[in-house]
């Protein structure tokens, strides 16, 4: 009983002191505004403002592609850990989502264009229009960053880029092409398989004097993004059948059986590629964290990934 009372007392003390501080930092809802690229395309910028005063050097900032989907998730990791976090200690930061003027989470056609480089692999090109990476990253660098820097004092020495899936590919591509534009690169379930896994070959060619060596990289992946259990496959088939029943065109004219067969053989080596990328970058002197999450798939893994990646980015 005495031990229980001591634990309860310590827990109450830990929560009560930050609670007073929390009252001085009310929740500030995210805002949205649109910006137009040099190509005349409209993008929705979702901004989760910091809770707390700016450090002398300015706020750290995290830019996230697929911003409609992930901005608030990343900002909640900061908000819930700001006072109470121990393992995931954070500090006030600006979270900027780069998304699209839509109601849903993803504009599948535009993100496929924006987040990919050109590819010589036929199965990549069948996705639709690809290869808009350079225009997209320059839009963020030349339009989005200056816009945010007018709104908040930003520490340009603590900038992070984050993305999931093709967004993770986009993030790692930026590490290779523009390593001095960010200090932290957060690649969640990255599609390293793109263009015959060209990124792995480029990473392996980095030398001792490569500017990428100054970067910090987070890589996270779920077990079921490559290594499927029988139970997971059964759940997936049930979900696919429900989708096909609700919308006969959802599988692109394929039967459920053909779709599942394609899924089994088109895993993209997601887990192996992410592990290999972490190994290569680490061996080349980069500060790398790699997390493998058992029993998680391409989307169920995201809360855990952001819970690890955001504190990694905000660590001094």
Protein backbone atom coordinates (compact mmCIF):
# COMPACT_ATOMS: atom_id res chain seq x y z
CA UNK A 1 0.00 0.00 0.00
CA UNK A 2 2.84 2.40 0.86
CA UNK A 3 4.50 1.70 -2.48
CA UNK A 4 1.23 2.33 -4.32
CA UNK A 5 0.72 5.60 -2.41
CA UNK A 6 4.24 6.75 -3.28
CA UNK A 7 3.72 5.98 -6.97
CA UNK A 8 0.39 7.81 -6.97
CA UNK A 9 1.99 10.82 -5.24
CA UNK A 10 4.84 10.97 -7.76
CA UNK A 11 2.46 10.67 -10.71
CA UNK A 12 0.26 13.45 -9.35
CA UNK A 13 3.25 15.70 -8.82
CA UNK A 14 4.54 15.04 -12.33
CA UNK A 15 1.19 15.94 -13.86
CA UNK A 16 0.20 18.85 -11.64
CA UNK A 17 3.27 21.02 -12.18
CA UNK A 18 3.19 21.00 -15.98
CA UNK A 19 -0.58 21.42 -15.89
CA UNK A 20 -0.15 24.95 -14.59
CA UNK A 21 2.28 25.67 -17.40
CA UNK A 22 -0.11 24.13 -19.90
CA UNK A 23 -2.80 26.62 -18.87
CA UNK A 24 -0.53 29.42 -20.07
CA UNK A 25 -0.19 27.78 -23.50
CA UNK A 26 -3.71 27.40 -24.90
CA UNK A 27 -4.28 25.18 -27.90
CA UNK A 28 -3.83 27.18 -31.09
CA UNK A 29 -5.72 25.64 -34.01
CA UNK A 30 -4.05 25.14 -37.37
CA UNK A 31 -4.65 27.62 -40.16
CA UNK A 32 -4.77 27.15 -43.92
CA UNK A 33 -3.96 29.32 -46.88
CA UNK A 34 -3.16 28.68 -50.54
CA UNK A 35 0.00 29.43 -52.50
CA UNK A 36 0.58 29.19 -56.24
CA UNK A 37 3.68 27.61 -57.75
CA UNK A 38 5.76 29.01 -60.61
CA UNK A 39 3.89 26.53 -62.84
CA UNK A 40 0.54 28.04 -61.82
CA UNK A 41 -0.54 25.15 -59.58
CA UNK A 42 -2.40 25.83 -56.35
CA UNK A 43 -1.25 24.24 -53.09
CA UNK A 44 -2.85 24.31 -49.66
CA UNK A 45 -0.49 25.20 -46.84
CA UNK A 46 -1.62 23.92 -43.43
CA UNK A 47 0.19 25.54 -40.53
CA UNK A 48 0.14 24.28 -36.94
CA UNK A 49 1.56 27.17 -34.92
CA UNK A 50 3.91 26.75 -31.96
CA UNK A 51 2.69 26.82 -28.37
CA UNK A 52 5.17 28.93 -26.49
CA UNK A 53 7.64 31.74 -27.03
CA UNK A 54 10.29 31.52 -29.72
CA UNK A 55 13.86 30.69 -28.71
CA UNK A 56 16.44 33.38 -29.44
CA UNK A 57 17.41 31.65 -32.68
CA UNK A 58 13.77 31.15 -33.73
CA UNK A 59 11.49 28.12 -33.86
CA UNK A 60 12.47 24.78 -35.33
CA UNK A 61 10.22 23.88 -38.25
CA UNK A 62 8.99 20.64 -39.80
CA UNK A 63 7.75 20.69 -43.41
CA UNK A 64 5.55 17.72 -44.34
CA UNK A 65 4.35 16.69 -47.80
CA UNK A 66 0.84 15.21 -48.09
CA UNK A 67 0.05 17.95 -45.62
CA UNK A 68 -3.73 17.43 -45.69
CA UNK A 69 -3.18 14.01 -44.13
CA UNK A 70 -0.28 14.40 -41.70
CA UNK A 71 0.10 17.97 -40.40
CA UNK A 72 -2.20 17.63 -37.42
CA UNK A 73 -0.85 14.21 -36.48
CA UNK A 74 2.69 15.59 -36.30
CA UNK A 75 1.58 18.69 -34.38
CA UNK A 76 -0.27 16.55 -31.83
CA UNK A 77 2.94 14.67 -31.05
CA UNK A 78 4.45 18.03 -30.11
CA UNK A 79 1.42 19.29 -28.20
CA UNK A 80 0.91 16.20 -26.05
CA UNK A 81 4.62 15.82 -25.25
CA UNK A 82 5.42 19.49 -24.77
CA UNK A 83 4.92 19.43 -21.00
CA UNK A 84 4.45 15.76 -20.21
CA UNK A 85 6.95 14.06 -22.49
CA UNK A 86 9.94 12.30 -20.98
CA UNK A 87 11.00 9.70 -23.51
CA UNK A 88 9.75 11.99 -26.31
CA UNK A 89 10.73 15.40 -24.97
CA UNK A 90 10.01 18.16 -27.48
CA UNK A 91 9.84 21.95 -27.63
CA UNK A 92 7.58 24.43 -29.42
CA UNK A 93 7.94 24.14 -33.19
CA UNK A 94 6.14 25.17 -36.35
CA UNK A 95 4.62 22.33 -38.39
CA UNK A 96 3.92 23.14 -42.03
CA UNK A 97 1.96 20.79 -44.25
CA UNK A 98 2.23 21.18 -48.01
CA UNK A 99 -0.98 19.78 -49.46
CA UNK A 100 -3.69 20.41 -52.02
CA UNK A 101 -6.94 22.41 -52.17
CA UNK A 102 -9.13 19.35 -51.61
CA UNK A 103 -11.50 18.08 -48.92
CA UNK A 104 -9.89 14.67 -48.47
CA UNK A 105 -6.50 13.48 -47.29
CA UNK A 106 -4.78 12.86 -50.64
CA UNK A 107 -4.81 14.12 -54.20
CA UNK A 108 -3.51 10.85 -55.64
CA UNK A 109 -2.82 12.10 -59.16
CA UNK A 110 -0.98 15.26 -58.12
CA UNK A 111 1.06 13.64 -55.37
CA UNK A 112 2.21 10.95 -57.80
CA UNK A 113 3.56 13.69 -60.03
CA UNK A 114 4.97 15.93 -57.31
CA UNK A 115 6.73 13.35 -55.18
CA UNK A 116 8.50 11.31 -57.86
CA UNK A 117 11.48 11.68 -60.13
CA UNK A 118 11.46 10.44 -63.73
CA UNK A 119 11.72 6.64 -63.96
CA UNK A 120 12.81 4.23 -66.66
CA UNK A 121 10.84 1.38 -65.06
CA UNK A 122 7.61 0.59 -66.91
CA UNK A 123 5.71 -0.40 -63.77
CA UNK A 124 6.49 3.00 -62.24
CA UNK A 125 5.27 4.98 -65.21
CA UNK A 126 1.89 3.18 -65.23
CA UNK A 127 1.00 5.15 -62.11
CA UNK A 128 0.31 8.20 -64.26
CA UNK A 129 2.25 11.41 -64.77
CA UNK A 130 5.49 11.22 -62.80
CA UNK A 131 8.70 13.20 -62.48
CA UNK A 132 7.63 16.47 -60.85
CA UNK A 133 10.03 16.23 -57.91
CA UNK A 134 12.30 19.15 -58.77
CA UNK A 135 9.44 21.58 -59.37
CA UNK A 136 7.85 20.55 -56.07
CA UNK A 137 10.96 20.85 -53.91
CA UNK A 138 11.75 24.23 -55.43
CA UNK A 139 8.20 25.39 -54.73
CA UNK A 140 8.73 24.53 -51.06
CA UNK A 141 12.16 26.15 -51.01
CA UNK A 142 11.30 29.31 -52.96
CA UNK A 143 7.66 29.93 -52.07
CA UNK A 144 6.64 28.05 -48.94
CA UNK A 145 9.71 28.69 -46.79
CA UNK A 146 9.76 32.48 -47.37
CA UNK A 147 6.01 32.60 -46.65
CA UNK A 148 6.47 30.79 -43.32
CA UNK A 149 9.50 32.89 -42.40
CA UNK A 150 7.36 36.02 -42.71
CA UNK A 151 4.84 34.55 -40.26
CA UNK A 152 7.21 33.12 -37.62
CA UNK A 153 10.83 33.57 -36.54
CA UNK A 154 12.44 30.39 -37.89
CA UNK A 155 15.75 28.83 -36.91
CA UNK A 156 17.20 28.00 -40.32
CA UNK A 157 19.64 25.64 -38.66
CA UNK A 158 16.82 23.39 -37.42
CA UNK A 159 14.68 22.63 -40.45
CA UNK A 160 13.16 19.20 -41.09
CA UNK A 161 11.49 17.59 -44.11
CA UNK A 162 9.08 14.70 -43.61
CA UNK A 163 7.05 12.43 -45.85
CA UNK A 164 5.34 9.03 -45.97
CA UNK A 165 5.48 6.44 -48.77
CA UNK A 166 6.18 8.41 -51.96
CA UNK A 167 6.66 11.31 -49.55
CA UNK A 168 9.45 9.31 -47.92
CA UNK A 169 10.98 8.83 -51.36
CA UNK A 170 10.69 12.60 -51.85
CA UNK A 171 12.41 13.21 -48.51
CA UNK A 172 15.35 10.92 -49.26
CA UNK A 173 15.66 12.31 -52.77
CA UNK A 174 16.04 15.77 -51.21
CA UNK A 175 18.76 14.42 -48.93
CA UNK A 176 20.63 13.34 -52.07
CA UNK A 177 19.90 16.35 -54.29
CA UNK A 178 19.76 19.23 -51.80
CA UNK A 179 21.44 18.08 -48.58
CA UNK A 180 21.94 21.60 -47.25
CA UNK A 181 18.27 22.65 -47.51
CA UNK A 182 17.31 20.78 -44.31
CA UNK A 183 19.14 19.38 -41.31
CA UNK A 184 16.73 16.52 -40.55
CA UNK A 185 15.15 14.12 -43.03
CA UNK A 186 12.20 12.04 -41.76
CA UNK A 187 11.39 9.22 -44.21
CA UNK A 188 8.35 7.20 -43.10
CA UNK A 189 7.77 3.94 -45.00
CA UNK A 190 9.73 5.35 -47.96
CA UNK A 191 9.12 4.01 -51.48
CA UNK A 192 12.82 3.35 -52.05
CA UNK A 193 11.90 0.81 -54.75
CA UNK A 194 11.12 3.67 -57.15
CA UNK A 195 13.18 3.66 -60.37
CA UNK A 196 14.82 0.33 -59.57
CA UNK A 197 15.88 1.52 -56.09
CA UNK A 198 18.14 4.19 -57.56
CA UNK A 199 18.40 5.91 -54.17
CA UNK A 200 20.20 2.92 -52.66
CA UNK A 201 22.83 3.04 -55.38
CA UNK A 202 23.33 6.78 -54.88
CA UNK A 203 23.60 6.41 -51.12
CA UNK A 204 26.22 3.68 -51.52
CA UNK A 205 28.31 6.05 -53.66
CA UNK A 206 28.54 8.77 -51.00
CA UNK A 207 32.10 9.63 -50.05
CA UNK A 208 33.89 10.86 -46.96
CA UNK A 209 33.50 14.49 -48.03
CA UNK A 210 29.84 14.25 -49.10
CA UNK A 211 27.69 17.10 -47.74
CA UNK A 212 25.02 14.56 -46.78
CA UNK A 213 27.22 13.51 -43.83
CA UNK A 214 26.00 16.53 -41.87
CA UNK A 215 22.37 15.40 -42.07
CA UNK A 216 20.31 13.49 -39.51
CA UNK A 217 17.94 10.86 -40.95
CA UNK A 218 14.97 9.02 -39.47
CA UNK A 219 13.70 5.86 -41.22
CA UNK A 220 10.65 3.97 -39.97
CA UNK A 221 8.89 0.92 -41.46
CA UNK A 222 6.16 -1.56 -40.51
CA UNK A 223 6.63 -5.33 -40.62
CA UNK A 224 3.59 -5.93 -42.80
CA UNK A 225 4.83 -3.56 -45.49
CA UNK A 226 6.78 -6.53 -46.80
CA UNK A 227 6.54 -9.57 -44.57
CA UNK A 228 2.85 -10.52 -44.55
CA UNK A 229 1.45 -12.94 -41.99
CA UNK A 230 -1.43 -15.28 -42.99
CA UNK A 231 -3.69 -13.39 -40.57
CA UNK A 232 -2.81 -10.07 -42.16
CA UNK A 233 -3.46 -11.39 -45.67
CA UNK A 234 -6.88 -12.62 -44.57
CA UNK A 235 -7.73 -9.19 -43.15
CA UNK A 236 -6.49 -7.55 -46.33
CA UNK A 237 -8.61 -9.83 -48.53
CA UNK A 238 -11.70 -9.08 -46.43
CA UNK A 239 -11.04 -5.35 -46.82
CA UNK A 240 -10.45 -5.67 -50.57
CA UNK A 241 -13.70 -7.61 -51.02
CA UNK A 242 -15.59 -4.90 -49.13
CA UNK A 243 -14.06 -2.21 -51.35
CA UNK A 244 -14.94 -4.12 -54.52
CA UNK A 245 -18.50 -4.64 -53.31
CA UNK A 246 -18.93 -0.95 -52.56
CA UNK A 247 -17.32 0.17 -55.82
CA UNK A 248 -16.89 -2.38 -58.65
CA UNK A 249 -14.32 -0.08 -60.29
CA UNK A 250 -12.15 0.19 -57.16
CA UNK A 251 -9.79 -2.61 -58.24
CA UNK A 252 -9.27 -1.29 -61.73
CA UNK A 253 -11.10 -4.15 -63.42
CA UNK A 254 -9.18 -6.86 -61.55
CA UNK A 255 -10.84 -9.68 -59.66
CA UNK A 256 -10.25 -9.90 -55.92
CA UNK A 257 -8.14 -13.01 -56.48
CA UNK A 258 -5.98 -11.30 -59.13
CA UNK A 259 -5.60 -8.21 -56.95
CA UNK A 260 -4.44 -10.27 -53.96
CA UNK A 261 -2.00 -12.21 -56.14
CA UNK A 262 -0.52 -8.92 -57.31
CA UNK A 263 -0.24 -7.71 -53.73
CA UNK A 264 1.66 -10.83 -52.71
CA UNK A 265 4.32 -10.39 -55.39
CA UNK A 266 4.54 -6.57 -55.51
CA UNK A 267 5.77 -5.80 -52.02
CA UNK A 268 8.56 -3.54 -53.23
CA UNK A 269 11.03 -4.87 -50.63
CA UNK A 270 9.89 -2.02 -48.38
CA UNK A 271 11.37 -3.36 -45.15
CA UNK A 272 14.63 -4.64 -46.64
CA UNK A 273 15.16 -1.41 -48.57
CA UNK A 274 14.59 0.81 -45.53
CA UNK A 275 16.92 -1.29 -43.39
CA UNK A 276 19.56 -1.26 -46.13
CA UNK A 277 19.28 2.51 -46.56
CA UNK A 278 19.73 3.04 -42.82
CA UNK A 279 22.79 0.78 -42.85
CA UNK A 280 24.39 2.51 -45.84
CA UNK A 281 23.80 6.01 -44.51
CA UNK A 282 25.06 5.07 -41.06
CA UNK A 283 28.22 3.55 -42.50
CA UNK A 284 28.77 6.80 -44.40
CA UNK A 285 28.79 8.83 -41.20
CA UNK A 286 25.24 10.17 -41.04
CA UNK A 287 23.30 10.30 -37.78
CA UNK A 288 20.58 7.71 -38.51
CA UNK A 289 17.73 6.22 -36.49
CA UNK A 290 15.94 3.18 -37.90
CA UNK A 291 12.75 1.77 -36.37
CA UNK A 292 11.03 -1.46 -37.41
CA UNK A 293 7.50 -1.79 -36.05
CA UNK A 294 6.16 -5.35 -35.67
CA UNK A 295 2.54 -6.10 -36.61
CA UNK A 296 2.05 -2.79 -38.43
CA UNK A 297 1.21 -2.08 -42.07
CA UNK A 298 1.71 0.90 -44.37
CA UNK A 299 -0.88 3.06 -42.60
CA UNK A 300 -1.33 1.57 -39.13
CA UNK A 301 2.34 2.32 -38.47
CA UNK A 302 2.02 6.08 -38.91
CA UNK A 303 1.15 7.19 -35.35
CA UNK A 304 4.12 5.26 -33.99
CA UNK A 305 6.41 6.61 -36.72
CA UNK A 306 5.48 10.23 -36.04
CA UNK A 307 5.82 9.62 -32.29
CA UNK A 308 9.47 8.65 -32.91
CA UNK A 309 10.32 10.92 -35.83
CA UNK A 310 9.10 14.26 -34.45
CA UNK A 311 11.13 14.09 -31.20
CA UNK A 312 14.11 12.94 -33.28
CA UNK A 313 13.77 16.07 -35.41
CA UNK A 314 13.42 18.37 -32.41
CA UNK A 315 16.34 16.94 -30.47
CA UNK A 316 19.12 19.48 -30.08
